[in-house]
Full PDB file with SEQRES, HELIX, SHEET, SSBOND, CRYST1, ORIGX, SCALE, CONECT and MASTER records, all heavy atoms in Angstrom:
SEQRES   1 A   34  ARG ASP GLY GLY HIS PRO PRO VAL THR ASP ILE PRO GLY          
SEQRES   2 A   34  LEU GLN ALA ALA ILE ARG ASP TYR ILE ALA ALA ARG ALA          
SEQRES   3 A   34  ILE PRO ALA GLY GLY TRP VAL ILE                              
HELIX    1 AA1 ILE A   11  ARG A   25  1                                  15    
CRYST1    1.000    1.000    1.000  90.00  90.00  90.00 P 1           1          
ORIGX1      1.000000  0.000000  0.000000        0.00000                         
ORIGX2      0.000000  1.000000  0.000000        0.00000                         
ORIGX3      0.000000  0.000000  1.000000        0.00000                         
SCALE1      1.000000  0.000000  0.000000        0.00000                         
SCALE2      0.000000  1.000000  0.000000        0.00000                         
SCALE3      0.000000  0.000000  1.000000        0.00000                         
ATOM      1  N   ARG A   1       3.487  -7.578  -7.415  1.00  0.00           N  
ATOM      2  CA  ARG A   1       3.904  -7.228  -8.725  1.00  0.00           C  
ATOM      3  C   ARG A   1       2.880  -6.341  -9.450  1.00  0.00           C  
ATOM      4  O   ARG A   1       3.058  -5.992 -10.654  1.00  0.00           O  
ATOM      5  CB  ARG A   1       4.054  -8.512  -9.581  1.00  0.00           C  
ATOM      6  CG  ARG A   1       5.387  -9.233  -9.403  1.00  0.00           C  
ATOM      7  CD  ARG A   1       5.452 -10.391 -10.413  1.00  0.00           C  
ATOM      8  NE  ARG A   1       6.651 -11.143 -10.272  1.00  0.00           N  
ATOM      9  CZ  ARG A   1       6.806 -12.381 -10.693  1.00  0.00           C  
ATOM     10  NH1 ARG A   1       5.769 -13.022 -11.238  1.00  0.00           N  
ATOM     11  NH2 ARG A   1       7.927 -13.049 -10.506  1.00  0.00           N  
ATOM     12  N   ASP A   2       1.808  -5.908  -8.814  1.00  0.00           N  
ATOM     13  CA  ASP A   2       0.768  -5.237  -9.563  1.00  0.00           C  
ATOM     14  C   ASP A   2       1.031  -3.805  -9.891  1.00  0.00           C  
ATOM     15  O   ASP A   2       0.293  -3.238 -10.691  1.00  0.00           O  
ATOM     16  CB  ASP A   2      -0.587  -5.368  -8.793  1.00  0.00           C  
ATOM     17  CG  ASP A   2      -0.651  -4.500  -7.556  1.00  0.00           C  
ATOM     18  OD1 ASP A   2       0.344  -3.828  -7.225  1.00  0.00           O  
ATOM     19  OD2 ASP A   2      -1.698  -4.500  -6.874  1.00  0.00           O  
ATOM     20  N   GLY A   3       2.125  -3.223  -9.386  1.00  0.00           N  
ATOM     21  CA  GLY A   3       2.465  -1.868  -9.758  1.00  0.00           C  
ATOM     22  C   GLY A   3       1.591  -0.779  -9.090  1.00  0.00           C  
ATOM     23  O   GLY A   3       1.845   0.424  -9.358  1.00  0.00           O  
ATOM     24  N   GLY A   4       0.716  -1.173  -8.274  1.00  0.00           N  
ATOM     25  CA  GLY A   4      -0.188  -0.236  -7.599  1.00  0.00           C  
ATOM     26  C   GLY A   4       0.415   0.395  -6.335  1.00  0.00           C  
ATOM     27  O   GLY A   4      -0.264   1.197  -5.660  1.00  0.00           O  
ATOM     28  N   HIS A   5       1.596   0.012  -6.017  1.00  0.00           N  
ATOM     29  CA  HIS A   5       2.271   0.546  -4.788  1.00  0.00           C  
ATOM     30  C   HIS A   5       3.752   0.680  -5.108  1.00  0.00           C  
ATOM     31  O   HIS A   5       4.239   0.066  -6.051  1.00  0.00           O  
ATOM     32  CB  HIS A   5       2.007  -0.354  -3.587  1.00  0.00           C  
ATOM     33  CG  HIS A   5       2.208  -1.835  -3.856  1.00  0.00           C  
ATOM     34  ND1 HIS A   5       3.482  -2.370  -4.070  1.00  0.00           N  
ATOM     35  CD2 HIS A   5       1.350  -2.872  -4.055  1.00  0.00           C  
ATOM     36  CE1 HIS A   5       3.333  -3.624  -4.299  1.00  0.00           C  
ATOM     37  NE2 HIS A   5       2.096  -3.953  -4.330  1.00  0.00           N  
ATOM     38  N   PRO A   6       4.531   1.380  -4.291  1.00  0.00           N  
ATOM     39  CA  PRO A   6       5.975   1.495  -4.589  1.00  0.00           C  
ATOM     40  C   PRO A   6       6.630   0.109  -4.559  1.00  0.00           C  
ATOM     41  O   PRO A   6       6.193  -0.810  -3.806  1.00  0.00           O  
ATOM     42  CB  PRO A   6       6.433   2.323  -3.342  1.00  0.00           C  
ATOM     43  CG  PRO A   6       5.269   3.073  -2.838  1.00  0.00           C  
ATOM     44  CD  PRO A   6       4.078   2.187  -3.110  1.00  0.00           C  
ATOM     45  N   PRO A   7       7.650  -0.070  -5.351  1.00  0.00           N  
ATOM     46  CA  PRO A   7       8.334  -1.350  -5.388  1.00  0.00           C  
ATOM     47  C   PRO A   7       8.865  -1.759  -4.002  1.00  0.00           C  
ATOM     48  O   PRO A   7       9.356  -0.864  -3.256  1.00  0.00           O  
ATOM     49  CB  PRO A   7       9.505  -1.130  -6.367  1.00  0.00           C  
ATOM     50  CG  PRO A   7       9.050   0.033  -7.170  1.00  0.00           C  
ATOM     51  CD  PRO A   7       8.245   0.919  -6.282  1.00  0.00           C  
ATOM     52  N   VAL A   8       8.764  -2.998  -3.710  1.00  0.00           N  
ATOM     53  CA  VAL A   8       9.247  -3.534  -2.447  1.00  0.00           C  
ATOM     54  C   VAL A   8      10.715  -4.036  -2.639  1.00  0.00           C  
ATOM     55  O   VAL A   8      10.896  -4.943  -3.412  1.00  0.00           O  
ATOM     56  CB  VAL A   8       8.392  -4.692  -1.919  1.00  0.00           C  
ATOM     57  CG1 VAL A   8       9.045  -5.355  -0.693  1.00  0.00           C  
ATOM     58  CG2 VAL A   8       6.980  -4.159  -1.507  1.00  0.00           C  
ATOM     59  N   THR A   9      11.646  -3.386  -1.993  1.00  0.00           N  
ATOM     60  CA  THR A   9      13.046  -3.718  -2.275  1.00  0.00           C  
ATOM     61  C   THR A   9      13.768  -4.221  -1.021  1.00  0.00           C  
ATOM     62  O   THR A   9      14.947  -4.612  -1.028  1.00  0.00           O  
ATOM     63  CB  THR A   9      13.820  -2.482  -2.749  1.00  0.00           C  
ATOM     64  OG1 THR A   9      13.703  -1.393  -1.855  1.00  0.00           O  
ATOM     65  CG2 THR A   9      13.261  -2.001  -4.088  1.00  0.00           C  
ATOM     66  N   ASP A  10      13.150  -4.151   0.150  1.00  0.00           N  
ATOM     67  CA  ASP A  10      13.734  -4.599   1.378  1.00  0.00           C  
ATOM     68  C   ASP A  10      12.683  -5.008   2.388  1.00  0.00           C  
ATOM     69  O   ASP A  10      11.497  -4.808   2.151  1.00  0.00           O  
ATOM     70  CB  ASP A  10      14.712  -3.571   2.006  1.00  0.00           C  
ATOM     71  CG  ASP A  10      14.058  -2.190   2.260  1.00  0.00           C  
ATOM     72  OD1 ASP A  10      12.822  -2.180   2.390  1.00  0.00           O  
ATOM     73  OD2 ASP A  10      14.781  -1.218   2.347  1.00  0.00           O  
ATOM     74  N   ILE A  11      13.092  -5.599   3.543  1.00  0.00           N  
ATOM     75  CA  ILE A  11      12.110  -6.072   4.462  1.00  0.00           C  
ATOM     76  C   ILE A  11      11.313  -4.951   5.126  1.00  0.00           C  
ATOM     77  O   ILE A  11      10.093  -5.111   5.268  1.00  0.00           O  
ATOM     78  CB  ILE A  11      12.813  -6.977   5.488  1.00  0.00           C  
ATOM     79  CG1 ILE A  11      13.232  -8.320   4.837  1.00  0.00           C  
ATOM     80  CG2 ILE A  11      12.005  -7.241   6.720  1.00  0.00           C  
ATOM     81  CD1 ILE A  11      14.124  -9.211   5.651  1.00  0.00           C  
ATOM     82  N   PRO A  12      11.888  -3.841   5.488  1.00  0.00           N  
ATOM     83  CA  PRO A  12      11.080  -2.743   6.034  1.00  0.00           C  
ATOM     84  C   PRO A  12       9.996  -2.293   5.002  1.00  0.00           C  
ATOM     85  O   PRO A  12       8.871  -1.992   5.360  1.00  0.00           O  
ATOM     86  CB  PRO A  12      12.053  -1.651   6.316  1.00  0.00           C  
ATOM     87  CG  PRO A  12      13.357  -2.351   6.640  1.00  0.00           C  
ATOM     88  CD  PRO A  12      13.397  -3.502   5.683  1.00  0.00           C  
ATOM     89  N   GLY A  13      10.399  -2.252   3.729  1.00  0.00           N  
ATOM     90  CA  GLY A  13       9.462  -1.937   2.706  1.00  0.00           C  
ATOM     91  C   GLY A  13       8.324  -2.925   2.582  1.00  0.00           C  
ATOM     92  O   GLY A  13       7.152  -2.553   2.314  1.00  0.00           O  
ATOM     93  N   LEU A  14       8.650  -4.179   2.725  1.00  0.00           N  
ATOM     94  CA  LEU A  14       7.592  -5.256   2.661  1.00  0.00           C  
ATOM     95  C   LEU A  14       6.679  -5.105   3.847  1.00  0.00           C  
ATOM     96  O   LEU A  14       5.467  -5.223   3.732  1.00  0.00           O  
ATOM     97  CB  LEU A  14       8.249  -6.639   2.635  1.00  0.00           C  
ATOM     98  CG  LEU A  14       7.348  -7.829   2.646  1.00  0.00           C  
ATOM     99  CD1 LEU A  14       6.317  -7.763   1.533  1.00  0.00           C  
ATOM    100  CD2 LEU A  14       8.182  -9.164   2.591  1.00  0.00           C  
ATOM    101  N   GLN A  15       7.237  -4.848   5.003  1.00  0.00           N  
ATOM    102  CA  GLN A  15       6.402  -4.664   6.260  1.00  0.00           C  
ATOM    103  C   GLN A  15       5.456  -3.424   6.035  1.00  0.00           C  
ATOM    104  O   GLN A  15       4.304  -3.535   6.375  1.00  0.00           O  
ATOM    105  CB  GLN A  15       7.278  -4.429   7.445  1.00  0.00           C  
ATOM    106  CG  GLN A  15       8.073  -5.643   7.898  1.00  0.00           C  
ATOM    107  CD  GLN A  15       9.007  -5.306   9.083  1.00  0.00           C  
ATOM    108  OE1 GLN A  15       9.874  -4.431   8.918  1.00  0.00           O  
ATOM    109  NE2 GLN A  15       8.906  -6.059  10.151  1.00  0.00           N  
ATOM    110  N   ALA A  16       6.000  -2.421   5.449  1.00  0.00           N  
ATOM    111  CA  ALA A  16       5.148  -1.224   5.254  1.00  0.00           C  
ATOM    112  C   ALA A  16       4.009  -1.479   4.246  1.00  0.00           C  
ATOM    113  O   ALA A  16       2.881  -1.022   4.425  1.00  0.00           O  
ATOM    114  CB  ALA A  16       6.038  -0.059   4.735  1.00  0.00           C  
ATOM    115  N   ALA A  17       4.359  -2.249   3.203  1.00  0.00           N  
ATOM    116  CA  ALA A  17       3.301  -2.578   2.154  1.00  0.00           C  
ATOM    117  C   ALA A  17       2.223  -3.444   2.790  1.00  0.00           C  
ATOM    118  O   ALA A  17       1.007  -3.155   2.505  1.00  0.00           O  
ATOM    119  CB  ALA A  17       3.979  -3.322   1.018  1.00  0.00           C  
ATOM    120  N   ILE A  18       2.603  -4.327   3.671  1.00  0.00           N  
ATOM    121  CA  ILE A  18       1.530  -5.146   4.328  1.00  0.00           C  
ATOM    122  C   ILE A  18       0.731  -4.304   5.251  1.00  0.00           C  
ATOM    123  O   ILE A  18      -0.461  -4.438   5.323  1.00  0.00           O  
ATOM    124  CB  ILE A  18       2.190  -6.329   5.060  1.00  0.00           C  
ATOM    125  CG1 ILE A  18       2.890  -7.274   4.044  1.00  0.00           C  
ATOM    126  CG2 ILE A  18       1.155  -7.142   5.830  1.00  0.00           C  
ATOM    127  CD1 ILE A  18       3.752  -8.350   4.691  1.00  0.00           C  
ATOM    128  N   ARG A  19       1.423  -3.492   6.012  1.00  0.00           N  
ATOM    129  CA  ARG A  19       0.687  -2.590   6.975  1.00  0.00           C  
ATOM    130  C   ARG A  19      -0.287  -1.647   6.232  1.00  0.00           C  
ATOM    131  O   ARG A  19      -1.449  -1.502   6.659  1.00  0.00           O  
ATOM    132  CB  ARG A  19       1.704  -1.807   7.772  1.00  0.00           C  
ATOM    133  CG  ARG A  19       1.217  -1.123   9.039  1.00  0.00           C  
ATOM    134  CD  ARG A  19       2.295  -0.426   9.781  1.00  0.00           C  
ATOM    135  NE  ARG A  19       3.211  -1.372  10.423  1.00  0.00           N  
ATOM    136  CZ  ARG A  19       4.514  -1.586  10.061  1.00  0.00           C  
ATOM    137  NH1 ARG A  19       5.028  -0.816   9.097  1.00  0.00           N  
ATOM    138  NH2 ARG A  19       5.248  -2.425  10.699  1.00  0.00           N  
ATOM    139  N   ASP A  20       0.154  -1.103   5.150  1.00  0.00           N  
ATOM    140  CA  ASP A  20      -0.716  -0.215   4.330  1.00  0.00           C  
ATOM    141  C   ASP A  20      -1.917  -1.001   3.755  1.00  0.00           C  
ATOM    142  O   ASP A  20      -3.055  -0.466   3.703  1.00  0.00           O  
ATOM    143  CB  ASP A  20       0.050   0.425   3.212  1.00  0.00           C  
ATOM    144  CG  ASP A  20       1.052   1.478   3.689  1.00  0.00           C  
ATOM    145  OD1 ASP A  20       1.016   1.844   4.895  1.00  0.00           O  
ATOM    146  OD2 ASP A  20       1.955   1.840   2.931  1.00  0.00           O  
ATOM    147  N   TYR A  21      -1.653  -2.218   3.338  1.00  0.00           N  
ATOM    148  CA  TYR A  21      -2.734  -3.002   2.765  1.00  0.00           C  
ATOM    149  C   TYR A  21      -3.777  -3.345   3.845  1.00  0.00           C  
ATOM    150  O   TYR A  21      -4.978  -3.274   3.582  1.00  0.00           O  
ATOM    151  CB  TYR A  21      -2.151  -4.331   2.213  1.00  0.00           C  
ATOM    152  CG  TYR A  21      -3.119  -5.347   1.745  1.00  0.00           C  
ATOM    153  CD1 TYR A  21      -3.819  -5.217   0.570  1.00  0.00           C  
ATOM    154  CD2 TYR A  21      -3.414  -6.418   2.552  1.00  0.00           C  
ATOM    155  CE1 TYR A  21      -4.721  -6.148   0.169  1.00  0.00           C  
ATOM    156  CE2 TYR A  21      -4.340  -7.389   2.164  1.00  0.00           C  
ATOM    157  CZ  TYR A  21      -4.977  -7.251   0.975  1.00  0.00           C  
ATOM    158  OH  TYR A  21      -5.918  -8.222   0.581  1.00  0.00           O  
ATOM    159  N   ILE A  22      -3.353  -3.665   5.026  1.00  0.00           N  
ATOM    160  CA  ILE A  22      -4.303  -3.981   6.110  1.00  0.00           C  
ATOM    161  C   ILE A  22      -5.169  -2.765   6.422  1.00  0.00           C  
ATOM    162  O   ILE A  22      -6.390  -2.842   6.584  1.00  0.00           O  
ATOM    163  CB  ILE A  22      -3.517  -4.407   7.397  1.00  0.00           C  
ATOM    164  CG1 ILE A  22      -2.851  -5.788   7.168  1.00  0.00           C  
ATOM    165  CG2 ILE A  22      -4.438  -4.477   8.602  1.00  0.00           C  
ATOM    166  CD1 ILE A  22      -1.950  -6.199   8.276  1.00  0.00           C  
ATOM    167  N   ALA A  23      -4.563  -1.590   6.428  1.00  0.00           N  
ATOM    168  CA  ALA A  23      -5.266  -0.362   6.719  1.00  0.00           C  
ATOM    169  C   ALA A  23      -6.237  -0.028   5.581  1.00  0.00           C  
ATOM    170  O   ALA A  23      -7.371   0.324   5.874  1.00  0.00           O  
ATOM    171  CB  ALA A  23      -4.286   0.815   6.965  1.00  0.00           C  
ATOM    172  N   ALA A  24      -5.788  -0.137   4.337  1.00  0.00           N  
ATOM    173  CA  ALA A  24      -6.624   0.188   3.208  1.00  0.00           C  
ATOM    174  C   ALA A  24      -7.811  -0.685   3.071  1.00  0.00           C  
ATOM    175  O   ALA A  24      -8.907  -0.293   2.706  1.00  0.00           O  
ATOM    176  CB  ALA A  24      -5.832   0.116   1.906  1.00  0.00           C  
ATOM    177  N   ARG A  25      -7.669  -1.973   3.429  1.00  0.00           N  
ATOM    178  CA  ARG A  25      -8.735  -2.930   3.367  1.00  0.00           C  
ATOM    179  C   ARG A  25      -9.502  -3.075   4.697  1.00  0.00           C  
ATOM    180  O   ARG A  25     -10.497  -3.823   4.739  1.00  0.00           O  
ATOM    181  CB  ARG A  25      -8.205  -4.352   2.967  1.00  0.00           C  
ATOM    182  CG  ARG A  25      -7.626  -4.411   1.560  1.00  0.00           C  
ATOM    183  CD  ARG A  25      -8.679  -4.177   0.490  1.00  0.00           C  
ATOM    184  NE  ARG A  25      -8.165  -4.227  -0.843  1.00  0.00           N  
ATOM    185  CZ  ARG A  25      -8.423  -5.234  -1.694  1.00  0.00           C  
ATOM    186  NH1 ARG A  25      -9.192  -6.263  -1.278  1.00  0.00           N  
ATOM    187  NH2 ARG A  25      -7.915  -5.221  -2.895  1.00  0.00           N  
ATOM    188  N   ALA A  26      -9.059  -2.393   5.653  1.00  0.00           N  
ATOM    189  CA  ALA A  26      -9.706  -2.449   6.991  1.00  0.00           C  
ATOM    190  C   ALA A  26      -9.878  -3.868   7.487  1.00  0.00           C  
ATOM    191  O   ALA A  26     -10.966  -4.257   7.921  1.00  0.00           O  
ATOM    192  CB  ALA A  26     -11.039  -1.682   6.944  1.00  0.00           C  
ATOM    193  N   ILE A  27      -8.837  -4.636   7.361  1.00  0.00           N  
ATOM    194  CA  ILE A  27      -8.871  -6.077   7.738  1.00  0.00           C  
ATOM    195  C   ILE A  27      -8.900  -6.115   9.281  1.00  0.00           C  
ATOM    196  O   ILE A  27      -8.030  -5.626   9.915  1.00  0.00           O  
ATOM    197  CB  ILE A  27      -7.643  -6.834   7.180  1.00  0.00           C  
ATOM    198  CG1 ILE A  27      -7.717  -6.839   5.652  1.00  0.00           C  
ATOM    199  CG2 ILE A  27      -7.671  -8.285   7.720  1.00  0.00           C  
ATOM    200  CD1 ILE A  27      -6.477  -7.425   5.004  1.00  0.00           C  
ATOM    201  N   PRO A  28      -9.956  -6.731   9.820  1.00  0.00           N  
ATOM    202  CA  PRO A  28     -10.100  -6.741  11.287  1.00  0.00           C  
ATOM    203  C   PRO A  28      -9.145  -7.698  11.948  1.00  0.00           C  
ATOM    204  O   PRO A  28      -8.538  -8.602  11.327  1.00  0.00           O  
ATOM    205  CB  PRO A  28     -11.542  -7.143  11.463  1.00  0.00           C  
ATOM    206  CG  PRO A  28     -11.824  -8.053  10.287  1.00  0.00           C  
ATOM    207  CD  PRO A  28     -11.036  -7.448   9.128  1.00  0.00           C  
ATOM    208  N   ALA A  29      -9.060  -7.602  13.280  1.00  0.00           N  
ATOM    209  CA  ALA A  29      -8.284  -8.585  14.059  1.00  0.00           C  
ATOM    210  C   ALA A  29      -8.857  -9.940  13.844  1.00  0.00           C  
ATOM    211  O   ALA A  29     -10.058 -10.113  13.805  1.00  0.00           O  
ATOM    212  CB  ALA A  29      -8.351  -8.160  15.556  1.00  0.00           C  
ATOM    213  N   GLY A  30      -7.990 -10.919  13.686  1.00  0.00           N  
ATOM    214  CA  GLY A  30      -8.375 -12.268  13.375  1.00  0.00           C  
ATOM    215  C   GLY A  30      -8.523 -12.540  11.918  1.00  0.00           C  
ATOM    216  O   GLY A  30      -8.664 -13.740  11.548  1.00  0.00           O  
ATOM    217  N   GLY A  31      -8.468 -11.541  11.076  1.00  0.00           N  
ATOM    218  CA  GLY A  31      -8.645 -11.734   9.635  1.00  0.00           C  
ATOM    219  C   GLY A  31      -7.379 -12.256   8.962  1.00  0.00           C  
ATOM    220  O   GLY A  31      -6.312 -12.238   9.562  1.00  0.00           O  
ATOM    221  N   TRP A  32      -7.569 -12.661   7.737  1.00  0.00           N  
ATOM    222  CA  TRP A  32      -6.438 -13.164   6.913  1.00  0.00           C  
ATOM    223  C   TRP A  32      -5.807 -12.115   6.011  1.00  0.00           C  
ATOM    224  O   TRP A  32      -6.583 -11.310   5.429  1.00  0.00           O  
ATOM    225  CB  TRP A  32      -6.889 -14.342   6.060  1.00  0.00           C  
ATOM    226  CG  TRP A  32      -7.158 -15.638   6.839  1.00  0.00           C  
ATOM    227  CD1 TRP A  32      -8.285 -15.996   7.468  1.00  0.00           C  
ATOM    228  CD2 TRP A  32      -6.213 -16.673   7.008  1.00  0.00           C  
ATOM    229  NE1 TRP A  32      -8.153 -17.219   8.070  1.00  0.00           N  
ATOM    230  CE2 TRP A  32      -6.870 -17.672   7.782  1.00  0.00           C  
ATOM    231  CE3 TRP A  32      -4.872 -16.934   6.601  1.00  0.00           C  
ATOM    232  CZ2 TRP A  32      -6.303 -18.890   8.195  1.00  0.00           C  
ATOM    233  CZ3 TRP A  32      -4.277 -18.108   7.010  1.00  0.00           C  
ATOM    234  CH2 TRP A  32      -4.912 -19.047   7.770  1.00  0.00           C  
ATOM    235  N   VAL A  33      -4.515 -12.118   5.909  1.00  0.00           N  
ATOM    236  CA  VAL A  33      -3.800 -11.228   5.003  1.00  0.00           C  
ATOM    237  C   VAL A  33      -2.940 -12.050   4.087  1.00  0.00           C  
ATOM    238  O   VAL A  33      -1.969 -12.701   4.552  1.00  0.00           O  
ATOM    239  CB  VAL A  33      -2.906 -10.227   5.808  1.00  0.00           C  
ATOM    240  CG1 VAL A  33      -2.188  -9.270   4.887  1.00  0.00           C  
ATOM    241  CG2 VAL A  33      -3.696  -9.441   6.859  1.00  0.00           C  
ATOM    242  N   ILE A  34      -3.295 -12.113   2.824  1.00  0.00           N  
ATOM    243  CA  ILE A  34      -2.616 -12.929   1.853  1.00  0.00           C  
ATOM    244  C   ILE A  34      -1.764 -12.065   0.982  1.00  0.00           C  
ATOM    245  O   ILE A  34      -2.262 -11.155   0.303  1.00  0.00           O  
ATOM    246  CB  ILE A  34      -3.647 -13.798   0.981  1.00  0.00           C  
ATOM    247  CG1 ILE A  34      -4.646 -14.469   1.869  1.00  0.00           C  
ATOM    248  CG2 ILE A  34      -2.874 -14.767   0.112  1.00  0.00           C  
ATOM    249  CD1 ILE A  34      -4.100 -15.444   2.837  1.00  0.00           C  
TER     250      ILE A  34                                                      
MASTER        0    0    0    1    0    0    0    6  249    1    0    3          
END                                                                             
């Protein structure tokens, strides 16, 4: 809900938002994604 990314309106969009977040934060293998 923070408005810092495109609105998530479907499951592919949610998957893309999570994928982009992992890349932006450089979350390593084994890390947590909340």
